[in-house]
N, C-alpha and C. Protein backbone atom coordinates (compact mmCIF):
# COMPACT_ATOMS: atom_id res chain seq x y z
N MET A 1 0.66 -30.04 12.55
CA MET A 1 -0.85 -29.54 11.87
C MET A 1 -1.37 -30.40 10.72
N HIS A 2 -2.89 -30.42 11.11
CA HIS A 2 -3.81 -31.03 9.96
C HIS A 2 -4.00 -30.76 8.72
N HIS A 3 -4.42 -31.67 8.95
CA HIS A 3 -4.84 -31.62 7.33
C HIS A 3 -5.46 -29.91 6.86
N GLU A 4 -6.58 -30.10 7.38
CA GLU A 4 -7.22 -28.64 7.52
C GLU A 4 -6.22 -27.53 7.81
N ASP A 5 -5.80 -27.63 8.44
CA ASP A 5 -4.99 -26.11 8.20
C ASP A 5 -3.82 -26.27 7.30
N TYR A 6 -3.95 -27.17 6.44
CA TYR A 6 -2.94 -27.00 5.53
C TYR A 6 -4.04 -26.91 4.54
N GLU A 7 -5.49 -26.98 4.39
CA GLU A 7 -6.67 -26.36 3.87
C GLU A 7 -6.61 -25.33 4.13
N ALA A 8 -7.10 -24.22 5.16
CA ALA A 8 -7.52 -23.44 5.10
C ALA A 8 -5.97 -22.33 5.06
N LEU A 9 -5.24 -22.47 5.35
CA LEU A 9 -3.82 -21.90 4.88
C LEU A 9 -3.51 -21.54 2.83
N ALA A 10 -3.77 -22.85 2.45
CA ALA A 10 -4.21 -22.42 0.75
C ALA A 10 -5.38 -22.11 0.98
N ALA A 11 -6.47 -21.86 0.97
CA ALA A 11 -7.70 -21.53 0.75
C ALA A 11 -6.98 -19.57 1.04
N PHE A 12 -6.31 -19.06 2.00
CA PHE A 12 -6.49 -18.09 2.71
C PHE A 12 -5.56 -17.72 1.25
N ARG A 13 -4.44 -17.74 0.98
CA ARG A 13 -3.39 -17.76 0.22
C ARG A 13 -4.20 -17.63 -1.44
N HIS A 14 -4.93 -18.69 -1.59
CA HIS A 14 -5.58 -18.05 -2.97
C HIS A 14 -6.60 -16.99 -2.86
N ALA A 15 -7.17 -17.07 -2.12
CA ALA A 15 -7.80 -15.68 -2.13
C ALA A 15 -6.85 -14.81 -1.79
N MET A 16 -6.19 -14.14 -0.95
CA MET A 16 -5.29 -13.32 -1.01
C MET A 16 -4.75 -12.44 -2.47
N ARG A 17 -4.31 -14.01 -3.13
CA ARG A 17 -3.90 -13.87 -5.34
C ARG A 17 -4.38 -13.47 -5.27
N LYS A 18 -5.98 -13.60 -5.62
CA LYS A 18 -6.94 -12.86 -6.36
C LYS A 18 -6.92 -11.82 -5.70
N PHE A 19 -7.50 -11.45 -5.31
CA PHE A 19 -6.79 -9.85 -4.62
C PHE A 19 -5.85 -9.11 -5.04
N LEU A 20 -4.94 -9.16 -4.74
CA LEU A 20 -3.57 -9.20 -5.16
C LEU A 20 -3.23 -8.85 -6.98
N ARG A 21 -3.83 -9.88 -7.29
CA ARG A 21 -3.43 -10.21 -9.05
C ARG A 21 -4.80 -8.78 -9.88
N PHE A 22 -6.26 -8.69 -8.87
CA PHE A 22 -6.30 -8.24 -9.26
C PHE A 22 -6.09 -6.53 -9.06
N SER A 23 -5.82 -6.23 -7.87
CA SER A 23 -5.15 -5.31 -7.12
C SER A 23 -3.87 -4.55 -8.42
N LYS A 24 -2.67 -6.03 -8.95
CA LYS A 24 -1.89 -4.92 -9.56
C LYS A 24 -2.39 -4.42 -11.15
N ARG A 25 -3.53 -6.14 -11.54
CA ARG A 25 -4.41 -5.22 -12.44
C ARG A 25 -5.50 -3.54 -12.99
N ARG A 26 -5.51 -3.55 -11.97
CA ARG A 26 -6.66 -2.64 -11.63
C ARG A 26 -5.43 -0.76 -11.32
N LEU A 27 -4.34 -1.88 -10.88
CA LEU A 27 -3.23 0.56 -10.36
C LEU A 27 -2.65 0.81 -12.07
N ALA A 28 -2.23 -0.84 -12.55
CA ALA A 28 -1.63 -0.56 -13.89
C ALA A 28 -2.81 0.02 -15.17
N GLU A 29 -4.33 -0.15 -14.87
CA GLU A 29 -4.42 0.63 -16.23
C GLU A 29 -5.50 1.34 -16.06
N GLU A 30 -5.72 1.73 -15.14
CA GLU A 30 -6.26 2.91 -13.70
C GLU A 30 -5.44 4.12 -13.87
N ALA A 31 -4.66 3.51 -13.15
CA ALA A 31 -3.56 4.93 -12.67
C ALA A 31 -2.20 4.24 -12.96
N LYS A 32 -1.48 3.99 -13.42
CA LYS A 32 -0.41 3.40 -14.30
C LYS A 32 0.24 3.49 -13.06
N LEU A 33 0.09 3.32 -11.38
CA LEU A 33 0.52 2.80 -10.41
C LEU A 33 0.71 1.10 -11.03
N THR A 34 2.17 0.73 -9.42
CA THR A 34 3.09 -0.16 -9.58
C THR A 34 1.77 -0.08 -8.08
N PRO A 35 2.07 -1.71 -7.33
CA PRO A 35 1.51 -2.27 -5.89
C PRO A 35 2.53 -1.57 -5.41
N GLU A 36 3.41 -1.91 -4.59
CA GLU A 36 4.03 -0.21 -3.85
C GLU A 36 3.45 0.88 -3.75
N GLN A 37 3.72 2.19 -5.18
CA GLN A 37 3.02 2.89 -5.16
C GLN A 37 2.13 3.19 -4.71
N TYR A 38 0.72 2.28 -5.04
CA TYR A 38 -0.11 2.69 -4.30
C TYR A 38 0.10 1.99 -2.81
N GLU A 39 1.06 1.44 -2.01
CA GLU A 39 1.02 1.52 -0.82
C GLU A 39 1.86 2.56 -0.30
N ALA A 40 3.10 3.19 -0.71
CA ALA A 40 3.03 4.14 -0.34
C ALA A 40 2.08 5.13 -0.09
N LEU A 41 0.87 5.79 -1.33
CA LEU A 41 0.28 6.79 -1.46
C LEU A 41 -0.24 6.57 0.22
N LEU A 42 -1.06 4.58 0.27
CA LEU A 42 -1.13 4.40 1.84
C LEU A 42 -1.64 4.99 2.43
N ALA A 43 0.18 5.14 2.82
CA ALA A 43 0.72 4.97 4.13
C ALA A 43 1.03 6.56 4.68
N LEU A 44 1.27 7.64 3.70
CA LEU A 44 1.13 8.61 3.46
C LEU A 44 -0.04 8.86 3.98
N LYS A 45 -1.36 8.62 3.46
CA LYS A 45 -2.59 9.32 3.62
C LYS A 45 -3.50 9.39 4.98
N VAL A 46 -2.48 7.81 5.71
CA VAL A 46 -3.47 7.78 6.95
C VAL A 46 -2.35 7.33 8.03
N PHE A 47 -1.02 7.72 8.05
CA PHE A 47 -0.13 8.32 8.71
C PHE A 47 1.08 9.31 8.75
N ALA A 48 0.75 9.77 8.33
CA ALA A 48 1.85 10.93 8.00
C ALA A 48 1.25 12.40 8.39
N GLY A 49 1.57 13.32 8.63
CA GLY A 49 1.63 13.75 10.01
C GLY A 49 1.15 15.67 9.90
N ALA A 50 1.13 16.41 10.16
CA ALA A 50 1.60 18.23 9.43
C ALA A 50 2.43 18.12 8.17
N THR A 51 3.64 17.68 8.96
CA THR A 51 5.12 17.60 7.67
C THR A 51 5.02 16.81 7.16
N GLY A 52 4.30 15.45 7.20
CA GLY A 52 4.54 14.31 5.82
C GLY A 52 5.72 13.30 6.44
N LEU A 53 5.49 12.44 5.89
CA LEU A 53 6.78 11.03 7.05
C LEU A 53 7.55 11.06 6.01
N THR A 54 8.75 11.00 6.75
CA THR A 54 10.30 10.09 6.49
C THR A 54 9.84 9.39 5.63
N ILE A 55 11.61 9.48 5.26
CA ILE A 55 11.35 8.23 4.11
C ILE A 55 11.48 7.40 5.26
N GLY A 56 12.28 7.25 6.10
CA GLY A 56 12.92 6.30 6.98
C GLY A 56 11.61 5.41 7.77
N ASP A 57 10.65 6.58 7.93
CA ASP A 57 9.24 5.93 8.32
C ASP A 57 8.33 5.03 7.65
N LEU A 58 8.79 5.38 5.87
CA LEU A 58 7.42 5.27 5.11
C LEU A 58 8.30 3.64 4.92
N SER A 59 10.06 3.12 4.95
CA SER A 59 10.19 1.96 4.32
C SER A 59 9.75 0.59 5.63
N GLU A 60 9.75 2.05 6.88
CA GLU A 60 9.07 1.34 7.48
C GLU A 60 7.70 0.37 7.34
N ARG A 61 7.21 1.66 7.51
CA ARG A 61 5.90 1.08 6.86
C ARG A 61 5.35 0.02 5.46
N LEU A 62 5.92 0.44 4.76
CA LEU A 62 6.06 -0.65 3.97
C LEU A 62 6.87 -1.89 3.57
N GLN A 63 8.10 -1.62 5.16
CA GLN A 63 8.50 -3.42 4.87
C GLN A 63 9.92 -3.27 3.66
N VAL A 64 10.59 -2.66 3.69
CA VAL A 64 11.25 -2.23 2.34
C VAL A 64 12.56 -0.94 2.63
N LYS A 65 13.88 -1.81 2.03
CA LYS A 65 14.79 -1.23 2.35
C LYS A 65 14.68 0.66 1.81
N HIS A 66 15.66 1.61 3.03
CA HIS A 66 15.63 2.53 2.35
C HIS A 66 16.01 3.19 0.94
N HIS A 67 16.77 2.89 0.70
CA HIS A 67 16.91 2.99 -1.43
C HIS A 67 15.61 2.66 -1.63
N THR A 68 14.67 2.03 -1.80
CA THR A 68 13.91 1.54 -2.09
C THR A 68 12.52 2.54 -1.72
N ALA A 69 12.71 2.96 -1.44
CA ALA A 69 11.53 4.04 -0.27
C ALA A 69 12.28 5.04 -0.91
N VAL A 70 12.65 5.62 -1.32
CA VAL A 70 13.73 6.68 -2.14
C VAL A 70 13.11 6.50 -3.20
N SER A 71 13.71 5.59 -3.89
CA SER A 71 12.99 4.87 -5.87
C SER A 71 11.89 5.74 -5.70
N LEU A 72 10.70 4.64 -4.47
CA LEU A 72 9.09 4.81 -4.74
C LEU A 72 9.12 6.82 -4.37
N VAL A 73 9.79 7.01 -4.16
CA VAL A 73 8.86 9.03 -4.02
C VAL A 73 9.79 9.23 -4.91
N HIS A 74 10.85 9.24 -5.26
CA HIS A 74 11.63 9.54 -6.02
C HIS A 74 10.32 9.22 -8.06
N LYS A 75 9.72 8.70 -7.80
CA LYS A 75 9.28 8.58 -9.20
C LYS A 75 7.41 8.50 -8.90
N LEU A 76 7.36 9.00 -7.69
CA LEU A 76 5.64 9.24 -7.21
C LEU A 76 6.12 11.07 -7.13
N ALA A 77 7.06 11.53 -7.05
CA ALA A 77 6.89 12.65 -7.50
C ALA A 77 6.99 13.94 -8.59
N ARG A 78 7.86 12.51 -9.11
CA ARG A 78 8.34 12.67 -10.36
C ARG A 78 6.64 13.15 -11.20
N ARG A 79 5.63 12.63 -10.65
CA ARG A 79 4.33 12.22 -11.65
C ARG A 79 3.70 13.34 -10.10
N ARG A 80 3.78 14.09 -9.28
CA ARG A 80 3.52 14.77 -8.74
C ARG A 80 2.69 14.76 -7.92
N PHE A 81 2.88 13.24 -6.97
CA PHE A 81 1.81 12.99 -6.66
C PHE A 81 2.12 12.77 -4.80
N VAL A 82 3.75 13.39 -4.55
CA VAL A 82 4.01 13.75 -3.35
C VAL A 82 4.96 15.18 -3.31
N LEU A 83 5.47 15.00 -2.36
CA LEU A 83 5.87 16.45 -2.49
C LEU A 83 7.15 16.43 -1.75
N ARG A 84 8.49 16.41 -1.44
CA ARG A 84 9.34 16.73 -0.84
C ARG A 84 9.86 17.26 -0.33
N GLU A 85 10.38 17.14 1.40
CA GLU A 85 10.93 18.59 1.37
C GLU A 85 12.17 18.56 2.96
N GLN A 86 13.15 18.77 2.90
CA GLN A 86 14.19 18.03 3.87
C GLN A 86 13.44 19.24 5.16
N GLY A 87 13.83 18.27 5.89
CA GLY A 87 14.22 18.62 7.41
C GLY A 87 14.63 19.83 8.53
N VAL A 88 13.57 20.48 8.48
CA VAL A 88 13.92 22.05 9.41
C VAL A 88 15.65 21.62 10.84
N SER A 89 15.39 21.36 11.61
CA SER A 89 16.17 20.65 12.54
C SER A 89 17.51 19.96 12.12
N ASP A 90 16.34 19.21 11.30
CA ASP A 90 18.20 17.88 10.92
C ASP A 90 18.21 18.13 9.01
N ARG A 91 18.37 18.39 8.09
CA ARG A 91 18.52 18.78 7.01
C ARG A 91 18.87 17.53 6.06
N ARG A 92 19.46 16.54 7.21
CA ARG A 92 19.41 14.84 6.18
C ARG A 92 18.09 14.19 6.31
N GLN A 93 16.90 14.25 7.36
CA GLN A 93 15.50 14.29 6.98
C GLN A 93 14.96 15.04 6.65
N VAL A 94 14.23 13.51 5.02
CA VAL A 94 12.95 13.74 4.12
C VAL A 94 11.97 14.03 4.17
N PHE A 95 10.96 14.81 4.44
CA PHE A 95 9.62 14.50 4.97
C PHE A 95 9.02 13.76 3.60
N VAL A 96 8.32 13.24 3.27
CA VAL A 96 7.09 13.43 2.16
C VAL A 96 5.64 13.69 2.79
N ALA A 97 4.62 14.08 1.46
CA ALA A 97 3.79 14.72 2.10
C ALA A 97 2.97 14.69 0.83
N LEU A 98 1.61 13.83 0.81
CA LEU A 98 0.46 13.70 -0.70
C LEU A 98 0.27 15.38 -1.08
N THR A 99 0.63 15.62 -2.22
CA THR A 99 -0.41 16.30 -2.84
C THR A 99 -1.17 15.94 -3.66
N PRO A 100 -2.65 16.97 -3.33
CA PRO A 100 -3.75 17.00 -4.60
C PRO A 100 -4.18 16.17 -4.84
N ALA A 101 -3.22 15.84 -6.14
CA ALA A 101 -3.42 15.12 -7.13
C ALA A 101 -3.17 14.36 -6.49
N GLY A 102 -2.26 13.59 -5.42
CA GLY A 102 -1.63 12.15 -5.13
C GLY A 102 -2.95 12.01 -4.44
N SER A 103 -3.86 12.59 -3.86
CA SER A 103 -4.76 12.39 -2.76
C SER A 103 -5.73 11.47 -3.68
N ARG A 104 -6.21 13.06 -4.99
CA ARG A 104 -7.28 11.89 -5.95
C ARG A 104 -6.90 10.63 -6.77
N VAL A 105 -5.80 10.49 -6.93
CA VAL A 105 -5.42 8.96 -7.31
C VAL A 105 -5.87 8.40 -6.64
N LEU A 106 -5.33 8.38 -5.24
CA LEU A 106 -5.43 7.29 -4.08
C LEU A 106 -6.86 7.33 -4.31
N ALA A 107 -7.64 8.41 -4.01
CA ALA A 107 -9.18 8.50 -3.74
C ALA A 107 -10.08 7.03 -4.99
N LYS A 108 -9.43 7.34 -6.12
CA LYS A 108 -10.13 6.78 -6.81
C LYS A 108 -10.10 5.38 -7.21
N VAL A 109 -8.60 5.11 -7.50
CA VAL A 109 -8.06 3.31 -7.44
C VAL A 109 -8.41 2.59 -5.61
N ALA A 110 -8.67 3.79 -4.46
CA ALA A 110 -9.07 2.59 -3.30
C ALA A 110 -10.31 2.56 -3.63
N LEU A 111 -11.33 3.05 -3.93
CA LEU A 111 -12.82 3.45 -3.70
C LEU A 111 -13.02 1.88 -4.37
N HIS A 112 -12.25 1.14 -5.84
CA HIS A 112 -12.28 0.20 -6.46
C HIS A 112 -11.51 -0.79 -5.97
N HIS A 113 -10.75 -1.04 -4.68
CA HIS A 113 -10.00 -1.72 -3.57
C HIS A 113 -10.55 -1.77 -2.25
N ARG A 114 -11.64 -1.03 -1.95
CA ARG A 114 -12.50 -1.24 -1.15
C ARG A 114 -13.75 -2.03 -1.75
N ARG A 115 -14.04 -1.69 -2.80
CA ARG A 115 -15.35 -2.29 -3.38
C ARG A 115 -14.90 -3.90 -3.45
N GLU A 116 -13.64 -3.97 -4.31
CA GLU A 116 -13.15 -5.80 -4.58
C GLU A 116 -12.64 -6.21 -2.84
N MET A 117 -12.64 -5.35 -2.19
CA MET A 117 -12.22 -6.81 0.08
C MET A 117 -12.88 -6.88 -0.12
N ARG A 118 -15.04 -6.16 0.25
CA ARG A 118 -15.56 -6.39 0.33
C ARG A 118 -16.35 -7.61 -0.07
N ILE A 119 -15.58 -7.56 -1.25
CA ILE A 119 -16.56 -9.20 -2.51
C ILE A 119 -15.92 -10.21 -1.98
N ARG A 120 -13.97 -10.26 -1.64
CA ARG A 120 -13.72 -11.26 -1.20
C ARG A 120 -13.29 -10.97 0.25
N SER A 121 -13.14 -10.21 0.40
CA SER A 121 -12.97 -10.26 2.52
C SER A 121 -13.54 -12.10 3.08
N PRO A 122 -15.38 -12.34 3.21
CA PRO A 122 -15.72 -13.20 2.98
C PRO A 122 -15.01 -14.39 3.33
N GLU A 123 -14.65 -15.14 1.72
CA GLU A 123 -13.01 -16.07 1.68
C GLU A 123 -11.49 -15.88 2.88
N MET A 124 -11.50 -15.19 2.97
CA MET A 124 -9.86 -14.54 3.80
C MET A 124 -11.11 -15.06 4.66
N ILE A 125 -11.81 -14.57 5.37
CA ILE A 125 -12.31 -14.66 6.65
C ILE A 125 -12.58 -15.73 7.59
N GLU A 126 -12.90 -16.60 6.37
CA GLU A 126 -13.80 -17.92 6.70
C GLU A 126 -12.26 -18.42 7.32
N ALA A 127 -11.38 -18.11 6.33
CA ALA A 127 -10.17 -19.44 5.97
C ALA A 127 -9.11 -19.32 6.99
N LEU A 128 -9.33 -17.43 7.26
CA LEU A 128 -8.84 -17.30 8.85
C LEU A 128 -9.31 -17.69 10.49
N VAL A 129 -10.60 -17.91 9.92
CA VAL A 129 -11.70 -18.71 11.20
C VAL A 129 -10.85 -19.84 11.28
N ARG A 130 -11.13 -20.63 10.45
CA ARG A 130 -10.45 -21.93 10.39
C ARG A 130 -9.95 -22.30 10.68
N LEU A 131 -8.16 -21.31 10.69
CA LEU A 131 -6.80 -20.66 10.77
C LEU A 131 -6.98 -21.34 12.82
N ARG A 132 -7.72 -20.13 13.41
CA ARG A 132 -8.13 -20.48 14.64
C ARG A 132 -8.06 -20.72 15.03
N LYS A 133 -8.48 -22.43 15.33
CA LYS A 133 -9.57 -23.12 15.96
C LYS A 133 -8.58 -24.73 15.94
């Protein structure tokens, strides 16, 4: 690797850290969500079918262990952001779906994240382009 590659890697990591710092602060202040809870809400919004996502599918989407996904869902369910339902054909399966309250809080915080990504993305894209050379 060349020095320029290290510079591009460092620039990308720096840009990501700035965005993640913004995200963590904004989620805590605006919605009292952790980044992992926000990612779970995003995954449910995008990938849940008519019956929702199974806990297993959610853990794969978030790249966390099964028990971590269970804990996230439990905390989100307590706040009424998600609903849990047992599967009909396999009672061991638990399906998770967004509630209207979950959709509302997600829409509110996602709007700010999208705006911030628009501001920060040129810096990230530039670093990624440098790494492709």
